[in-house]
N, C-alpha and C. Protein backbone atom coordinates (compact mmCIF):
# COMPACT_ATOMS: atom_id res chain seq x y z
N MET A 1 -16.01 -2.29 12.04
CA MET A 1 -17.18 -1.81 11.83
C MET A 1 -17.47 -1.50 10.96
N LYS A 2 -18.66 -1.55 10.16
CA LYS A 2 -19.16 -1.06 8.94
C LYS A 2 -19.98 -0.03 8.82
N GLN A 3 -19.97 1.00 8.19
CA GLN A 3 -20.92 2.24 7.83
C GLN A 3 -21.68 2.18 6.49
N ARG A 4 -22.88 2.48 6.39
CA ARG A 4 -23.77 2.37 5.53
C ARG A 4 -23.46 3.89 4.80
N ILE A 5 -23.29 3.72 3.34
CA ILE A 5 -23.36 4.95 2.80
C ILE A 5 -24.21 4.63 1.19
N ALA A 6 -24.32 6.22 0.93
CA ALA A 6 -25.11 5.77 -0.54
C ALA A 6 -24.42 6.59 -1.58
N VAL A 7 -24.57 5.78 -2.58
CA VAL A 7 -23.56 6.16 -3.88
C VAL A 7 -24.59 6.25 -4.99
N THR A 8 -23.97 6.82 -6.03
CA THR A 8 -24.83 7.01 -7.27
C THR A 8 -24.12 6.73 -8.48
N LEU A 9 -24.58 5.50 -9.36
CA LEU A 9 -23.81 4.94 -10.08
C LEU A 9 -24.40 5.16 -11.51
N ASP A 10 -23.82 4.89 -12.45
CA ASP A 10 -24.32 4.94 -13.87
C ASP A 10 -24.94 3.59 -13.85
N GLU A 11 -26.31 3.40 -14.84
CA GLU A 11 -27.02 2.34 -15.31
C GLU A 11 -26.18 1.04 -15.35
N GLU A 12 -24.87 1.35 -16.36
CA GLU A 12 -24.15 0.47 -16.77
C GLU A 12 -23.25 0.07 -15.48
N LEU A 13 -22.93 0.57 -14.86
CA LEU A 13 -22.04 0.26 -13.83
C LEU A 13 -22.94 -0.34 -12.74
N VAL A 14 -24.25 0.06 -12.40
CA VAL A 14 -25.28 -0.92 -11.64
C VAL A 14 -25.23 -2.28 -12.17
N ALA A 15 -25.38 -1.99 -13.60
CA ALA A 15 -25.80 -3.93 -13.98
C ALA A 15 -24.35 -4.48 -14.05
N PHE A 16 -23.40 -4.11 -14.34
CA PHE A 16 -21.92 -4.78 -13.85
C PHE A 16 -21.59 -4.93 -12.73
N LEU A 17 -22.17 -4.31 -11.64
CA LEU A 17 -22.13 -4.60 -10.12
C LEU A 17 -22.83 -5.93 -10.07
N ASP A 18 -24.34 -5.55 -10.20
CA ASP A 18 -24.84 -6.73 -9.93
C ASP A 18 -24.56 -8.22 -10.68
N ASN A 19 -23.86 -7.89 -11.90
CA ASN A 19 -23.55 -9.28 -12.45
C ASN A 19 -22.25 -9.74 -11.89
N GLU A 20 -21.24 -9.02 -11.32
CA GLU A 20 -20.04 -9.47 -10.77
C GLU A 20 -20.41 -9.64 -8.99
N SER A 21 -21.09 -9.44 -8.48
CA SER A 21 -21.41 -9.24 -7.22
C SER A 21 -21.97 -10.71 -6.71
N SER A 22 -22.58 -11.20 -7.50
CA SER A 22 -23.30 -12.39 -6.98
C SER A 22 -24.23 -12.22 -6.11
N GLY A 23 -24.80 -11.08 -5.92
CA GLY A 23 -25.95 -10.72 -4.67
C GLY A 23 -25.80 -10.17 -3.76
N ASN A 24 -24.20 -9.82 -3.74
CA ASN A 24 -23.91 -9.20 -2.58
C ASN A 24 -22.97 -7.73 -2.85
N ARG A 25 -23.62 -6.59 -3.25
CA ARG A 25 -23.11 -5.78 -3.96
C ARG A 25 -22.11 -5.04 -2.49
N SER A 26 -22.37 -5.20 -1.37
CA SER A 26 -21.70 -4.18 -0.45
C SER A 26 -20.25 -5.09 -0.27
N GLU A 27 -20.28 -6.46 -0.19
CA GLU A 27 -19.11 -7.42 -0.18
C GLU A 27 -18.30 -7.02 -1.38
N TYR A 28 -19.05 -6.79 -2.48
CA TYR A 28 -17.89 -7.07 -3.83
C TYR A 28 -17.52 -5.35 -3.56
N LEU A 29 -18.02 -4.60 -3.33
CA LEU A 29 -17.49 -3.23 -3.32
C LEU A 29 -16.88 -2.86 -2.30
N ASN A 30 -16.59 -3.57 -1.02
CA ASN A 30 -15.42 -3.49 0.21
C ASN A 30 -14.53 -4.24 -0.46
N GLU A 31 -14.47 -5.32 -0.99
CA GLU A 31 -13.43 -6.18 -1.54
C GLU A 31 -12.51 -5.31 -2.23
N ILE A 32 -13.09 -4.42 -3.65
CA ILE A 32 -12.69 -3.77 -4.52
C ILE A 32 -11.80 -2.78 -3.90
N VAL A 33 -12.50 -2.25 -3.06
CA VAL A 33 -11.94 -0.75 -2.61
C VAL A 33 -10.90 -1.06 -1.61
N SER A 34 -11.14 -2.20 -1.08
CA SER A 34 -9.70 -2.75 -0.06
C SER A 34 -8.41 -3.19 -0.94
N GLN A 35 -8.76 -3.78 -2.05
CA GLN A 35 -7.65 -4.14 -3.03
C GLN A 35 -7.02 -3.14 -3.40
N TYR A 36 -7.93 -1.87 -4.05
CA TYR A 36 -7.38 -0.70 -4.32
C TYR A 36 -6.31 0.03 -3.50
N ARG A 37 -6.81 0.32 -2.35
CA ARG A 37 -6.37 0.83 -0.97
C ARG A 37 -4.88 0.02 -0.87
N LYS A 38 -4.92 -1.46 -1.21
CA LYS A 38 -3.58 -2.07 -0.91
C LYS A 38 -2.85 -1.55 -2.04
N GLU A 39 -3.07 -1.61 -3.21
CA GLU A 39 -2.55 -1.23 -4.46
C GLU A 39 -1.72 -0.07 -4.57
N ARG A 40 -2.59 1.15 -3.95
CA ARG A 40 -1.98 2.21 -3.71
C ARG A 40 -1.06 2.52 -2.81
N ILE A 41 -1.39 1.95 -1.58
CA ILE A 41 -0.39 1.90 -0.38
C ILE A 41 1.05 1.32 -1.04
N ARG A 42 1.04 0.08 -1.75
CA ARG A 42 2.29 -0.58 -2.42
C ARG A 42 2.92 0.28 -3.26
N ALA A 43 2.06 1.03 -4.09
CA ALA A 43 2.61 2.07 -5.23
C ALA A 43 3.21 3.34 -4.69
N GLU A 44 2.94 3.71 -3.28
CA GLU A 44 3.34 4.72 -2.76
C GLU A 44 4.79 4.32 -2.11
N MET A 45 4.69 3.11 -1.50
CA MET A 45 5.77 2.62 -1.12
C MET A 45 6.90 2.30 -1.95
N ILE A 46 6.55 1.86 -2.85
CA ILE A 46 7.59 1.54 -4.07
C ILE A 46 8.41 2.85 -4.57
N GLU A 47 7.02 4.08 -4.64
CA GLU A 47 7.96 5.52 -4.88
C GLU A 47 8.54 5.91 -4.16
N ALA A 48 8.44 5.69 -2.87
CA ALA A 48 9.63 6.43 -1.53
C ALA A 48 10.84 5.52 -1.73
N ILE A 49 10.75 4.38 -1.82
CA ILE A 49 11.94 3.41 -1.80
C ILE A 49 12.71 3.96 -3.00
N LYS A 50 12.05 4.29 -4.09
CA LYS A 50 12.60 4.70 -5.61
C LYS A 50 13.53 5.89 -5.14
N GLN A 51 12.51 7.12 -4.44
CA GLN A 51 13.29 8.28 -4.07
C GLN A 51 14.32 8.15 -2.89
N ASP A 52 14.44 7.17 -2.30
CA ASP A 52 15.25 6.90 -1.14
C ASP A 52 16.65 6.57 -1.88
N VAL A 53 16.53 5.41 -2.88
CA VAL A 53 17.78 5.11 -3.49
C VAL A 53 18.42 6.14 -4.19
N THR A 54 17.81 7.40 -4.81
CA THR A 54 18.45 8.29 -5.58
C THR A 54 18.80 9.40 -4.72
N ASP A 55 18.47 9.32 -3.49
CA ASP A 55 18.88 10.34 -2.67
C ASP A 55 20.34 10.22 -1.90
N PRO A 56 21.27 11.02 -2.37
CA PRO A 56 22.29 10.85 -1.89
C PRO A 56 22.69 11.02 -0.29
N GLU A 57 21.84 12.17 0.38
CA GLU A 57 21.88 12.43 1.78
C GLU A 57 21.42 11.05 2.35
N TYR A 58 20.24 10.48 1.92
CA TYR A 58 19.89 9.30 2.74
C TYR A 58 20.81 7.92 2.70
N GLN A 59 21.42 8.08 1.45
CA GLN A 59 22.34 6.74 1.01
C GLN A 59 23.42 6.98 1.99
N ALA A 60 24.09 8.25 2.45
CA ALA A 60 25.20 8.65 2.90
C ALA A 60 24.71 8.19 4.84
N GLU A 61 23.29 8.45 4.83
CA GLU A 61 23.08 8.12 6.10
C GLU A 61 22.98 6.75 6.61
N LEU A 62 22.25 6.09 5.54
CA LEU A 62 22.39 4.72 5.62
C LEU A 62 23.65 3.79 5.90
N ALA A 63 24.78 4.58 5.04
CA ALA A 63 26.24 4.04 5.12
C ALA A 63 26.59 4.35 6.56
N MET A 64 26.35 5.24 7.17
CA MET A 64 26.77 5.49 8.35
C MET A 64 26.25 4.65 9.42
N TRP A 65 25.16 4.32 9.40
CA TRP A 65 24.04 3.36 10.22
C TRP A 65 24.57 2.24 10.05
N ASP A 66 25.05 1.23 8.76
CA ASP A 66 25.59 0.35 8.73
C ASP A 66 27.11 -0.15 9.31
N SER A 67 28.04 1.36 9.39
CA SER A 67 28.87 1.07 10.23
C SER A 67 28.82 1.21 11.51
N THR A 68 28.09 1.98 12.11
CA THR A 68 27.57 1.92 13.42
C THR A 68 27.02 0.62 13.88
N ILE A 69 26.17 -0.03 13.05
CA ILE A 69 25.69 -1.25 13.55
C ILE A 69 26.46 -2.24 13.08
N GLY A 70 27.51 -2.31 12.77
CA GLY A 70 28.87 -2.88 12.57
C GLY A 70 29.77 -2.92 13.56
N ASP A 71 29.72 -1.75 14.29
CA ASP A 71 30.66 -2.02 15.40
C ASP A 71 30.91 -2.49 16.83
N GLY A 72 31.72 -3.39 16.73
CA GLY A 72 32.24 -4.39 17.63
C GLY A 72 31.33 -6.07 17.73
N ILE A 73 30.90 -6.11 16.13
CA ILE A 73 30.48 -7.42 16.16
C ILE A 73 31.42 -8.28 16.39
N ASP A 74 32.81 -8.11 16.00
CA ASP A 74 33.50 -9.10 15.98
C ASP A 74 34.46 -8.70 17.46
N ALA A 75 34.30 -7.99 18.24
CA ALA A 75 34.74 -7.94 19.43
C ALA A 75 34.74 -8.96 20.57
N GLU A 76 35.56 -9.31 21.26
CA GLU A 76 35.44 -10.54 22.39
C GLU A 76 35.46 -9.59 23.53
N GLY A 77 34.47 -10.67 24.37
CA GLY A 77 34.61 -10.34 25.74
C GLY A 77 33.67 -9.41 26.15
């Protein structure tokens, strides 16, 4: 579902938008905002992973889960 909004842009930005959008400002802006959102989410995920890698408590918990997951893998019967 799409929603109509009103925005105010500098004249230079409107000219740029008209030049880049091939006549469909809404679709162009929709694509740009969507790409920006994906990049932000990706950057936030990378930052969270970096924090997890340096967090000793989280690493200890991972090690504990690794040993728990491996319990009984080689057991027979």
